[in-house]
Amino acid sequence: MAETAAPTGPELEMNHNEHLVETTEVPAGEEHHAEPSALGIAPAGWVGLSMLVFILILVWKKVPGVITGGLDKKIAEIRKQLDEAKALRAEAEALRKEYADKIASAEKDAAAMLDHARHEAEAIVAKAEADTEAVIKRRKQMAEDKISAAQRGAVDELRARAANAATTAARGLIAKGHNAEADKALVDKAITGL
């Protein structure tokens, strides 16, 4: 076997320089370091490669299908909730309309009842006034009848007293001024008048 000669001089420097990391100076005075690499791939490349492998594993394990299935399920649930909310809203609107109609009907009924009550009250007042007027007329007529009856009674009583007084006075006069001769002349006069 042939021995290889150890490099000397400029060859040694070249071999030695292959394993060194170059540094360059930046104008501001800072040093710039070259990024380390593995298998000739920079760190950003490794990150990209690992992401690609990760995505391929996700696709191989059907994770996107599971995710889309979960999302579809969630969408279906949300749609169902939205449909329920729409149904509840429609029901609430129907109830609101029904109660608004009931309130309007109740207000109309209340107005009609109030109007009817006013008419009844006016009729009752008119009837009471008419009844009162009729009662007043009847009582006035009764009072007038009583007064007329009292007047007739007083006149009759006065006539009776006057007749009684006249009879008593006539008796007294006849008793004083009549005798048997005057009676005979009166009887004869009455007979001839027949």
N, C-alpha and C. Protein backbone atom coordinates (compact mmCIF):
# COMPACT_ATOMS: atom_id res chain seq x y z
N MET A 1 0.80 -1.16 0.00
CA MET A 1 0.00 0.00 0.00
C MET A 1 0.85 1.22 0.00
N ALA A 2 0.34 1.99 -0.73
CA ALA A 2 1.12 3.20 -0.83
C ALA A 2 0.65 4.18 0.21
N GLU A 3 1.60 4.66 0.79
CA GLU A 3 1.26 5.65 1.80
C GLU A 3 1.04 6.98 1.14
N THR A 4 0.07 7.60 1.64
CA THR A 4 -0.17 8.93 1.10
C THR A 4 0.65 9.90 1.89
N ALA A 5 1.12 10.78 1.19
CA ALA A 5 1.96 11.75 1.86
C ALA A 5 1.11 12.78 2.55
N ALA A 6 1.56 13.18 3.66
CA ALA A 6 0.84 14.21 4.40
C ALA A 6 0.97 15.52 3.67
N PRO A 7 -0.07 16.20 3.56
CA PRO A 7 -0.02 17.46 2.82
C PRO A 7 0.87 18.45 3.54
N THR A 8 1.48 19.20 2.74
CA THR A 8 2.38 20.21 3.30
C THR A 8 2.10 21.52 2.59
N GLY A 9 2.43 22.55 3.19
CA GLY A 9 2.39 23.89 2.61
C GLY A 9 0.98 24.35 2.25
N PRO A 10 0.86 24.76 0.94
CA PRO A 10 -0.43 25.32 0.55
C PRO A 10 -1.54 24.29 0.58
N GLU A 11 -1.27 23.02 0.36
CA GLU A 11 -2.31 21.99 0.40
C GLU A 11 -2.86 21.86 1.81
N LEU A 12 -1.98 21.94 2.76
CA LEU A 12 -2.41 21.85 4.15
C LEU A 12 -3.33 23.02 4.48
N GLU A 13 -2.98 24.15 4.03
CA GLU A 13 -3.82 25.32 4.30
C GLU A 13 -5.18 25.16 3.66
N MET A 14 -5.26 24.59 2.48
CA MET A 14 -6.51 24.41 1.79
C MET A 14 -7.39 23.41 2.52
N ASN A 15 -6.81 22.28 2.91
CA ASN A 15 -7.57 21.28 3.66
C ASN A 15 -8.04 21.85 4.99
N HIS A 16 -7.17 22.56 5.57
CA HIS A 16 -7.49 23.13 6.86
C HIS A 16 -8.60 24.18 6.72
N ASN A 17 -8.61 24.93 5.67
CA ASN A 17 -9.60 25.98 5.46
C ASN A 17 -10.98 25.42 5.11
N GLU A 18 -11.06 24.19 4.65
CA GLU A 18 -12.35 23.61 4.29
C GLU A 18 -13.25 23.47 5.50
N HIS A 19 -12.71 23.17 6.61
CA HIS A 19 -13.51 22.93 7.81
C HIS A 19 -13.72 24.18 8.65
N LEU A 20 -13.19 25.23 8.25
CA LEU A 20 -13.35 26.47 9.00
C LEU A 20 -14.61 27.19 8.54
N VAL A 21 -15.18 27.89 9.42
CA VAL A 21 -16.36 28.71 9.11
C VAL A 21 -15.84 30.10 8.80
N GLU A 22 -16.31 30.62 7.70
CA GLU A 22 -15.85 31.94 7.31
C GLU A 22 -16.61 33.00 8.09
N THR A 23 -15.93 34.02 8.42
CA THR A 23 -16.55 35.17 9.05
C THR A 23 -16.17 36.39 8.24
N THR A 24 -17.10 37.27 8.14
CA THR A 24 -16.81 38.52 7.43
C THR A 24 -17.17 39.66 8.34
N GLU A 25 -16.52 40.70 8.13
CA GLU A 25 -16.80 41.86 8.96
C GLU A 25 -17.85 42.72 8.30
N VAL A 26 -18.73 43.20 9.12
CA VAL A 26 -19.78 44.09 8.66
C VAL A 26 -19.26 45.50 8.84
N PRO A 27 -19.62 46.42 7.93
CA PRO A 27 -19.06 47.76 8.01
C PRO A 27 -19.28 48.44 9.35
N ALA A 28 -20.33 48.11 10.08
CA ALA A 28 -20.59 48.79 11.35
C ALA A 28 -19.71 48.26 12.44
N GLY A 29 -18.95 47.29 12.15
CA GLY A 29 -18.04 46.77 13.15
C GLY A 29 -18.53 45.49 13.75
N GLU A 30 -19.72 45.02 13.40
CA GLU A 30 -20.22 43.78 13.96
C GLU A 30 -19.77 42.63 13.09
N GLU A 31 -19.64 41.51 13.69
CA GLU A 31 -19.25 40.33 12.92
C GLU A 31 -20.48 39.60 12.45
N HIS A 32 -20.40 39.01 11.27
CA HIS A 32 -21.50 38.25 10.70
C HIS A 32 -21.10 36.79 10.68
N HIS A 33 -21.97 35.92 11.23
CA HIS A 33 -21.67 34.50 11.27
C HIS A 33 -22.52 33.80 10.23
N ALA A 34 -21.99 32.85 9.59
CA ALA A 34 -22.75 32.05 8.63
C ALA A 34 -23.61 31.07 9.41
N GLU A 35 -24.81 30.77 8.89
CA GLU A 35 -25.72 29.88 9.58
C GLU A 35 -25.24 28.45 9.46
N PRO A 36 -25.41 27.67 10.54
CA PRO A 36 -25.00 26.26 10.45
C PRO A 36 -25.99 25.49 9.59
N SER A 37 -25.55 24.43 9.01
CA SER A 37 -26.42 23.62 8.18
C SER A 37 -26.15 22.15 8.46
N ALA A 38 -27.20 21.34 8.25
CA ALA A 38 -27.05 19.90 8.43
C ALA A 38 -27.41 19.25 7.11
N LEU A 39 -26.56 18.39 6.65
CA LEU A 39 -26.74 17.70 5.38
C LEU A 39 -26.94 18.71 4.24
N GLY A 40 -26.37 19.86 4.40
CA GLY A 40 -26.42 20.87 3.36
C GLY A 40 -27.74 21.61 3.30
N ILE A 41 -28.60 21.43 4.31
CA ILE A 41 -29.90 22.11 4.32
C ILE A 41 -29.89 23.11 5.47
N ALA A 42 -30.28 24.33 5.15
CA ALA A 42 -30.31 25.40 6.16
C ALA A 42 -31.47 25.16 7.13
N PRO A 43 -31.46 25.83 8.30
CA PRO A 43 -32.54 25.64 9.27
C PRO A 43 -33.92 25.94 8.69
N ALA A 44 -34.06 26.95 7.85
CA ALA A 44 -35.36 27.26 7.26
C ALA A 44 -35.82 26.10 6.37
N GLY A 45 -34.90 25.47 5.69
CA GLY A 45 -35.24 24.31 4.86
C GLY A 45 -35.72 23.15 5.71
N TRP A 46 -35.04 22.94 6.86
CA TRP A 46 -35.47 21.87 7.76
C TRP A 46 -36.88 22.13 8.29
N VAL A 47 -37.17 23.40 8.62
CA VAL A 47 -38.51 23.75 9.10
C VAL A 47 -39.54 23.46 8.02
N GLY A 48 -39.24 23.87 6.79
CA GLY A 48 -40.16 23.62 5.68
C GLY A 48 -40.35 22.14 5.44
N LEU A 49 -39.23 21.37 5.49
CA LEU A 49 -39.30 19.92 5.28
C LEU A 49 -40.12 19.26 6.39
N SER A 50 -39.93 19.69 7.63
CA SER A 50 -40.70 19.09 8.74
C SER A 50 -42.19 19.44 8.61
N MET A 51 -42.50 20.64 8.16
CA MET A 51 -43.90 21.00 7.95
C MET A 51 -44.51 20.15 6.85
N LEU A 52 -43.75 19.92 5.78
CA LEU A 52 -44.24 19.09 4.68
C LEU A 52 -44.52 17.67 5.17
N VAL A 53 -43.59 17.13 5.96
CA VAL A 53 -43.78 15.78 6.50
C VAL A 53 -45.00 15.76 7.43
N PHE A 54 -45.15 16.79 8.25
CA PHE A 54 -46.28 16.87 9.17
C PHE A 54 -47.60 16.90 8.40
N ILE A 55 -47.66 17.73 7.36
CA ILE A 55 -48.88 17.83 6.55
C ILE A 55 -49.17 16.51 5.86
N LEU A 56 -48.13 15.84 5.35
CA LEU A 56 -48.33 14.54 4.70
C LEU A 56 -48.87 13.51 5.70
N ILE A 57 -48.37 13.54 6.92
CA ILE A 57 -48.87 12.62 7.95
C ILE A 57 -50.33 12.92 8.25
N LEU A 58 -50.67 14.21 8.35
CA LEU A 58 -52.07 14.58 8.60
C LEU A 58 -52.98 14.09 7.49
N VAL A 59 -52.53 14.24 6.24
CA VAL A 59 -53.33 13.78 5.11
C VAL A 59 -53.44 12.27 5.12
N TRP A 60 -52.31 11.59 5.41
CA TRP A 60 -52.30 10.12 5.44
C TRP A 60 -53.25 9.59 6.52
N LYS A 61 -53.33 10.27 7.68
CA LYS A 61 -54.19 9.85 8.78
C LYS A 61 -55.62 10.39 8.61
N LYS A 62 -55.90 11.03 7.51
CA LYS A 62 -57.23 11.56 7.17
C LYS A 62 -57.73 12.60 8.18
N VAL A 63 -56.83 13.39 8.70
CA VAL A 63 -57.19 14.44 9.64
C VAL A 63 -58.05 15.52 8.97
N PRO A 64 -57.75 15.92 7.72
CA PRO A 64 -58.63 16.93 7.10
C PRO A 64 -60.07 16.44 6.97
N GLY A 65 -60.27 15.16 6.69
CA GLY A 65 -61.62 14.61 6.63
C GLY A 65 -62.30 14.69 7.98
N VAL A 66 -61.55 14.37 9.03
CA VAL A 66 -62.10 14.45 10.38
C VAL A 66 -62.44 15.91 10.71
N ILE A 67 -61.53 16.81 10.35
CA ILE A 67 -61.77 18.23 10.62
C ILE A 67 -62.99 18.72 9.85
N THR A 68 -63.04 18.39 8.53
CA THR A 68 -64.20 18.83 7.74
C THR A 68 -65.48 18.16 8.24
N GLY A 69 -65.37 16.89 8.67
CA GLY A 69 -66.55 16.22 9.24
C GLY A 69 -67.01 16.93 10.51
N GLY A 70 -66.08 17.28 11.36
CA GLY A 70 -66.41 18.02 12.59
C GLY A 70 -67.00 19.38 12.26
N LEU A 71 -66.39 20.05 11.28
CA LEU A 71 -66.92 21.35 10.88
C LEU A 71 -68.31 21.21 10.28
N ASP A 72 -68.51 20.16 9.44
CA ASP A 72 -69.83 19.93 8.85
C ASP A 72 -70.86 19.66 9.95
N LYS A 73 -70.43 18.87 10.94
CA LYS A 73 -71.32 18.58 12.07
C LYS A 73 -71.68 19.87 12.82
N LYS A 74 -70.67 20.69 13.05
CA LYS A 74 -70.89 21.96 13.75
C LYS A 74 -71.80 22.87 12.91
N ILE A 75 -71.57 22.88 11.59
CA ILE A 75 -72.42 23.68 10.69
C ILE A 75 -73.86 23.19 10.76
N ALA A 76 -74.04 21.86 10.77
CA ALA A 76 -75.39 21.29 10.85
C ALA A 76 -76.06 21.69 12.17
N GLU A 77 -75.29 21.63 13.27
CA GLU A 77 -75.83 22.03 14.57
C GLU A 77 -76.24 23.51 14.56
N ILE A 78 -75.36 24.33 13.99
CA ILE A 78 -75.65 25.77 13.94
C ILE A 78 -76.87 26.03 13.07
N ARG A 79 -76.97 25.32 11.91
CA ARG A 79 -78.15 25.47 11.05
C ARG A 79 -79.41 25.06 11.80
N LYS A 80 -79.30 23.94 12.54
CA LYS A 80 -80.45 23.48 13.31
C LYS A 80 -80.85 24.53 14.34
N GLN A 81 -79.86 25.09 15.03
CA GLN A 81 -80.15 26.13 16.02
C GLN A 81 -80.75 27.37 15.36
N LEU A 82 -80.22 27.72 14.17
CA LEU A 82 -80.78 28.87 13.44
C LEU A 82 -82.22 28.60 13.02
N ASP A 83 -82.48 27.36 12.55
CA ASP A 83 -83.86 27.01 12.17
C ASP A 83 -84.78 27.06 13.38
N GLU A 84 -84.29 26.53 14.52
CA GLU A 84 -85.08 26.59 15.75
C GLU A 84 -85.32 28.05 16.16
N ALA A 85 -84.27 28.87 16.03
CA ALA A 85 -84.41 30.29 16.37
C ALA A 85 -85.42 30.96 15.45
N LYS A 86 -85.37 30.62 14.15
CA LYS A 86 -86.34 31.19 13.20
C LYS A 86 -87.76 30.75 13.58
N ALA A 87 -87.90 29.46 13.92
CA ALA A 87 -89.22 28.96 14.31
C ALA A 87 -89.70 29.65 15.58
N LEU A 88 -88.80 29.80 16.56
CA LEU A 88 -89.16 30.48 17.80
C LEU A 88 -89.51 31.94 17.54
N ARG A 89 -88.75 32.57 16.64
CA ARG A 89 -89.04 33.97 16.31
C ARG A 89 -90.41 34.08 15.64
N ALA A 90 -90.68 33.15 14.69
CA ALA A 90 -91.98 33.17 14.02
C ALA A 90 -93.11 32.95 15.04
N GLU A 91 -92.88 32.01 15.96
CA GLU A 91 -93.88 31.75 17.00
C GLU A 91 -94.07 32.97 17.89
N ALA A 92 -92.95 33.61 18.25
CA ALA A 92 -93.03 34.82 19.08
C ALA A 92 -93.74 35.94 18.34
N GLU A 93 -93.45 36.08 17.05
CA GLU A 93 -94.14 37.10 16.24
C GLU A 93 -95.64 36.81 16.18
N ALA A 94 -95.98 35.52 16.01
CA ALA A 94 -97.39 35.14 15.96
C ALA A 94 -98.07 35.44 17.30
N LEU A 95 -97.39 35.10 18.40
CA LEU A 95 -97.94 35.40 19.73
C LEU A 95 -98.08 36.90 19.94
N ARG A 96 -97.05 37.66 19.51
CA ARG A 96 -97.11 39.11 19.66
C ARG A 96 -98.29 39.67 18.87
N LYS A 97 -98.47 39.18 17.64
CA LYS A 97 -99.58 39.64 16.80
C LYS A 97 -100.91 39.25 17.45
N GLU A 98 -100.97 37.99 17.95
CA GLU A 98 -102.21 37.52 18.58
C GLU A 98 -102.56 38.39 19.79
N TYR A 99 -101.55 38.68 20.63
CA TYR A 99 -101.83 39.49 21.81
C TYR A 99 -102.11 40.94 21.43
N ALA A 100 -101.45 41.43 20.38
CA ALA A 100 -101.76 42.79 19.91
C ALA A 100 -103.21 42.85 19.42
N ASP A 101 -103.63 41.80 18.70
CA ASP A 101 -105.03 41.74 18.25
C ASP A 101 -105.98 41.65 19.43
N LYS A 102 -105.60 40.83 20.44
CA LYS A 102 -106.44 40.71 21.63
C LYS A 102 -106.55 42.04 22.36
N ILE A 103 -105.42 42.74 22.45
CA ILE A 103 -105.42 44.04 23.13
C ILE A 103 -106.30 45.02 22.36
N ALA A 104 -106.15 45.02 21.02
CA ALA A 104 -106.98 45.92 20.20
C ALA A 104 -108.46 45.56 20.36
N SER A 105 -108.75 44.26 20.37
CA SER A 105 -110.13 43.81 20.55
C SER A 105 -110.65 44.21 21.93
N ALA A 106 -109.81 44.03 22.93
CA ALA A 106 -110.21 44.40 24.30
C ALA A 106 -110.45 45.90 24.40
N GLU A 107 -109.59 46.68 23.72
CA GLU A 107 -109.79 48.13 23.73
C GLU A 107 -111.10 48.49 23.04
N LYS A 108 -111.40 47.82 21.91
CA LYS A 108 -112.66 48.07 21.21
C LYS A 108 -113.83 47.68 22.10
N ASP A 109 -113.71 46.49 22.74
CA ASP A 109 -114.78 46.04 23.64
C ASP A 109 -114.97 47.02 24.79
N ALA A 110 -113.86 47.49 25.35
CA ALA A 110 -113.94 48.44 26.46
C ALA A 110 -114.60 49.74 26.00
N ALA A 111 -114.22 50.20 24.81
CA ALA A 111 -114.84 51.43 24.28
C ALA A 111 -116.33 51.21 24.04
N ALA A 112 -116.68 50.04 23.48
CA ALA A 112 -118.10 49.74 23.24
C ALA A 112 -118.86 49.64 24.56
N MET A 113 -118.24 48.97 25.56
CA MET A 113 -118.89 48.86 26.87
C MET A 113 -119.07 50.24 27.50
N LEU A 114 -118.05 51.08 27.38
CA LEU A 114 -118.13 52.42 27.94
C LEU A 114 -119.22 53.22 27.24
N ASP A 115 -119.28 53.11 25.91
CA ASP A 115 -120.32 53.81 25.14
C ASP A 115 -121.70 53.29 25.54
N HIS A 116 -121.82 51.96 25.65
CA HIS A 116 -123.09 51.35 26.06
C HIS A 116 -123.48 51.82 27.47
N ALA A 117 -122.49 51.86 28.36
CA ALA A 117 -122.77 52.30 29.74
C ALA A 117 -123.22 53.76 29.75
N ARG A 118 -122.59 54.59 28.89
CA ARG A 118 -123.02 55.99 28.83
C ARG A 118 -124.46 56.09 28.34
N HIS A 119 -124.77 55.31 27.28
CA HIS A 119 -126.14 55.35 26.76
C HIS A 119 -127.13 54.86 27.82
N GLU A 120 -126.77 53.79 28.52
CA GLU A 120 -127.65 53.28 29.58
C GLU A 120 -127.81 54.31 30.69
N ALA A 121 -126.70 54.96 31.06
CA ALA A 121 -126.77 55.98 32.11
C ALA A 121 -127.65 57.14 31.67
N GLU A 122 -127.49 57.56 30.40
CA GLU A 122 -128.33 58.64 29.89
C GLU A 122 -129.80 58.22 29.89
N ALA A 123 -130.05 56.96 29.49
CA ALA A 123 -131.43 56.46 29.47
C ALA A 123 -131.99 56.40 30.89
N ILE A 124 -131.17 55.93 31.84
CA ILE A 124 -131.61 55.85 33.23
C ILE A 124 -131.90 57.25 33.77
N VAL A 125 -131.02 58.21 33.46
CA VAL A 125 -131.22 59.58 33.92
C VAL A 125 -132.49 60.15 33.30
N ALA A 126 -132.68 59.92 31.97
CA ALA A 126 -133.88 60.43 31.30
C ALA A 126 -135.13 59.79 31.90
N LYS A 127 -135.09 58.46 32.15
CA LYS A 127 -136.24 57.77 32.74
C LYS A 127 -136.49 58.30 34.15
N ALA A 128 -135.40 58.50 34.91
CA ALA A 128 -135.56 59.02 36.27
C ALA A 128 -136.18 60.42 36.24
N GLU A 129 -135.73 61.25 35.28
CA GLU A 129 -136.30 62.58 35.18
C GLU A 129 -137.78 62.50 34.80
N ALA A 130 -138.09 61.62 33.82
CA ALA A 130 -139.50 61.46 33.41
C ALA A 130 -140.33 60.92 34.57
N ASP A 131 -139.79 59.90 35.28
CA ASP A 131 -140.52 59.34 36.42
C ASP A 131 -140.71 60.39 37.51
N THR A 132 -139.67 61.17 37.75
CA THR A 132 -139.76 62.21 38.77
C THR A 132 -140.81 63.24 38.37
N GLU A 133 -140.80 63.62 37.09
CA GLU A 133 -141.78 64.59 36.61
C GLU A 133 -143.20 64.02 36.72
N ALA A 134 -143.35 62.71 36.38
CA ALA A 134 -144.67 62.07 36.49
C ALA A 134 -145.11 62.00 37.94
N VAL A 135 -144.18 61.66 38.83
CA VAL A 135 -144.52 61.59 40.26
C VAL A 135 -144.92 62.97 40.76
N ILE A 136 -144.16 63.99 40.32
CA ILE A 136 -144.48 65.36 40.75
C ILE A 136 -145.87 65.74 40.24
N LYS A 137 -146.17 65.41 38.97
CA LYS A 137 -147.50 65.72 38.41
C LYS A 137 -148.58 64.98 39.18
N ARG A 138 -148.36 63.67 39.46
CA ARG A 138 -149.36 62.90 40.21
C ARG A 138 -149.57 63.48 41.59
N ARG A 139 -148.49 63.79 42.26
CA ARG A 139 -148.61 64.34 43.61
C ARG A 139 -149.28 65.71 43.58
N LYS A 140 -148.94 66.49 42.55
CA LYS A 140 -149.58 67.80 42.42
C LYS A 140 -151.08 67.62 42.19
N GLN A 141 -151.43 66.65 41.30
CA GLN A 141 -152.84 66.38 41.02
C GLN A 141 -153.54 65.87 42.28
N MET A 142 -152.84 64.97 43.01
CA MET A 142 -153.42 64.46 44.25
C MET A 142 -153.63 65.59 45.25
N ALA A 143 -152.62 66.48 45.32
CA ALA A 143 -152.74 67.61 46.25
C ALA A 143 -153.89 68.51 45.83
N GLU A 144 -153.98 68.75 44.49
CA GLU A 144 -155.08 69.58 44.01
C GLU A 144 -156.42 68.90 44.28
N ASP A 145 -156.48 67.56 44.06
CA ASP A 145 -157.72 66.82 44.34
C ASP A 145 -158.07 66.90 45.82
N LYS A 146 -157.06 66.76 46.68
CA LYS A 146 -157.31 66.85 48.12
C LYS A 146 -157.80 68.25 48.49
N ILE A 147 -157.14 69.25 47.86
CA ILE A 147 -157.55 70.63 48.15
C ILE A 147 -158.99 70.84 47.68
N SER A 148 -159.31 70.33 46.45
CA SER A 148 -160.69 70.47 45.93
C SER A 148 -161.66 69.74 46.84
N ALA A 149 -161.29 68.52 47.25
CA ALA A 149 -162.17 67.76 48.14
C ALA A 149 -162.33 68.48 49.46
N ALA A 150 -161.23 69.04 49.96
CA ALA A 150 -161.31 69.77 51.23
C ALA A 150 -162.18 71.01 51.05
N GLN A 151 -162.01 71.68 49.88
CA GLN A 151 -162.85 72.86 49.63
C GLN A 151 -164.32 72.46 49.54
N ARG A 152 -164.61 71.37 48.79
CA ARG A 152 -166.00 70.90 48.68
C ARG A 152 -166.53 70.52 50.06
N GLY A 153 -165.68 69.81 50.81
CA GLY A 153 -166.10 69.42 52.15
C GLY A 153 -166.38 70.64 53.01
N ALA A 154 -165.49 71.64 52.89
CA ALA A 154 -165.68 72.86 53.68
C ALA A 154 -166.93 73.59 53.22
N VAL A 155 -167.13 73.64 51.88
CA VAL A 155 -168.33 74.31 51.35
C VAL A 155 -169.57 73.56 51.79
N ASP A 156 -169.51 72.20 51.67
CA ASP A 156 -170.66 71.39 52.09
C ASP A 156 -170.93 71.58 53.58
N GLU A 157 -169.86 71.58 54.36
CA GLU A 157 -170.03 71.77 55.80
C GLU A 157 -170.58 73.16 56.09
N LEU A 158 -170.06 74.14 55.33
CA LEU A 158 -170.53 75.50 55.51
C LEU A 158 -172.00 75.61 55.10
N ARG A 159 -172.39 74.94 54.01
CA ARG A 159 -173.79 74.95 53.58
C ARG A 159 -174.67 74.27 54.63
N ALA A 160 -174.13 73.13 55.11
CA ALA A 160 -174.91 72.41 56.12
C ALA A 160 -175.09 73.27 57.35
N ARG A 161 -174.06 73.95 57.76
CA ARG A 161 -174.16 74.83 58.94
C ARG A 161 -175.11 76.00 58.64
N ALA A 162 -174.94 76.51 57.38
CA ALA A 162 -175.81 77.65 57.01
C ALA A 162 -177.27 77.19 56.96
N ALA A 163 -177.48 75.97 56.38
CA ALA A 163 -178.85 75.43 56.31
C ALA A 163 -179.37 75.18 57.71
N ASN A 164 -178.52 74.63 58.53
CA ASN A 164 -178.90 74.35 59.91
C ASN A 164 -179.21 75.65 60.64
N ALA A 165 -178.34 76.64 60.41
CA ALA A 165 -178.56 77.94 61.06
C ALA A 165 -179.84 78.58 60.52
N ALA A 166 -180.05 78.43 59.18
CA ALA A 166 -181.27 79.01 58.58
C ALA A 166 -182.51 78.29 59.11
N THR A 167 -182.40 76.96 59.22
CA THR A 167 -183.52 76.18 59.73
C THR A 167 -183.81 76.58 61.17
N THR A 168 -182.78 76.70 61.93
CA THR A 168 -182.95 77.08 63.33
C THR A 168 -183.55 78.48 63.41
N ALA A 169 -183.04 79.37 62.58
CA ALA A 169 -183.55 80.75 62.58
C ALA A 169 -185.00 80.77 62.09
N ALA A 170 -185.29 79.96 61.04
CA ALA A 170 -186.66 79.92 60.51
C ALA A 170 -187.59 79.33 61.55
N ARG A 171 -187.17 78.33 62.24
CA ARG A 171 -187.98 77.73 63.28
C ARG A 171 -188.30 78.76 64.36
N GLY A 172 -187.23 79.48 64.67
CA GLY A 172 -187.43 80.51 65.71
C GLY A 172 -188.41 81.57 65.22
N LEU A 173 -188.27 81.97 63.95
CA LEU A 173 -189.15 82.99 63.40
C LEU A 173 -190.57 82.44 63.26
N ILE A 174 -190.66 81.21 62.78
CA ILE A 174 -191.98 80.60 62.62
C ILE A 174 -192.61 80.44 63.99
N ALA A 175 -191.86 80.03 64.94
CA ALA A 175 -192.41 79.83 66.27
C ALA A 175 -192.88 81.16 66.83
N LYS A 176 -192.23 82.23 66.51
CA LYS A 176 -192.62 83.54 67.02
C LYS A 176 -193.78 84.12 66.21
N GLY A 177 -193.72 84.00 64.93
CA GLY A 177 -194.68 84.71 64.10
C GLY A 177 -195.81 83.86 63.58
N HIS A 178 -195.85 82.63 63.76
CA HIS A 178 -196.93 81.80 63.24
C HIS A 178 -197.77 81.30 64.40
N ASN A 179 -199.00 81.30 64.08
CA ASN A 179 -199.95 80.73 65.03
C ASN A 179 -200.85 79.79 64.27
N ALA A 180 -201.97 79.41 64.82
CA ALA A 180 -202.84 78.44 64.18
C ALA A 180 -203.51 79.05 62.97
N GLU A 181 -203.85 80.28 62.97
CA GLU A 181 -204.49 80.94 61.84
C GLU A 181 -203.54 81.03 60.68
N ALA A 182 -202.32 81.37 60.88
CA ALA A 182 -201.33 81.49 59.82
C ALA A 182 -201.07 80.12 59.23
N ASP A 183 -201.11 79.07 60.06
CA ASP A 183 -200.89 77.72 59.54
C ASP A 183 -202.03 77.32 58.64
N LYS A 184 -203.28 77.67 59.01
CA LYS A 184 -204.44 77.31 58.23
C LYS A 184 -204.37 78.02 56.90
N ALA A 185 -203.97 79.28 56.85
CA ALA A 185 -203.88 80.05 55.61
C ALA A 185 -202.79 79.46 54.72
N LEU A 186 -201.71 79.01 55.23
CA LEU A 186 -200.62 78.40 54.45
C LEU A 186 -201.08 77.08 53.87
N VAL A 187 -201.80 76.29 54.62
CA VAL A 187 -202.27 75.00 54.14
C VAL A 187 -203.27 75.23 53.02
N ASP A 188 -204.17 76.17 53.17
CA ASP A 188 -205.16 76.46 52.12
C ASP A 188 -204.46 76.94 50.87
N LYS A 189 -203.45 77.74 50.99
CA LYS A 189 -202.72 78.26 49.86
C LYS A 189 -202.01 77.13 49.15
N ALA A 190 -201.46 76.20 49.86
CA ALA A 190 -200.76 75.07 49.27
C ALA A 190 -201.73 74.18 48.55
N ILE A 191 -202.96 74.01 49.06
CA ILE A 191 -203.96 73.15 48.43
C ILE A 191 -204.43 73.79 47.15
N THR A 192 -204.69 75.04 47.13
CA THR A 192 -205.15 75.71 45.92
C THR A 192 -204.06 75.70 44.87
N GLY A 193 -202.84 75.68 45.21
CA GLY A 193 -201.73 75.68 44.24
C GLY A 193 -201.57 74.34 43.58
N LEU A 194 -202.27 73.36 44.08
CA LEU A 194 -202.15 72.03 43.50
C LEU A 194 -203.17 71.91 42.46
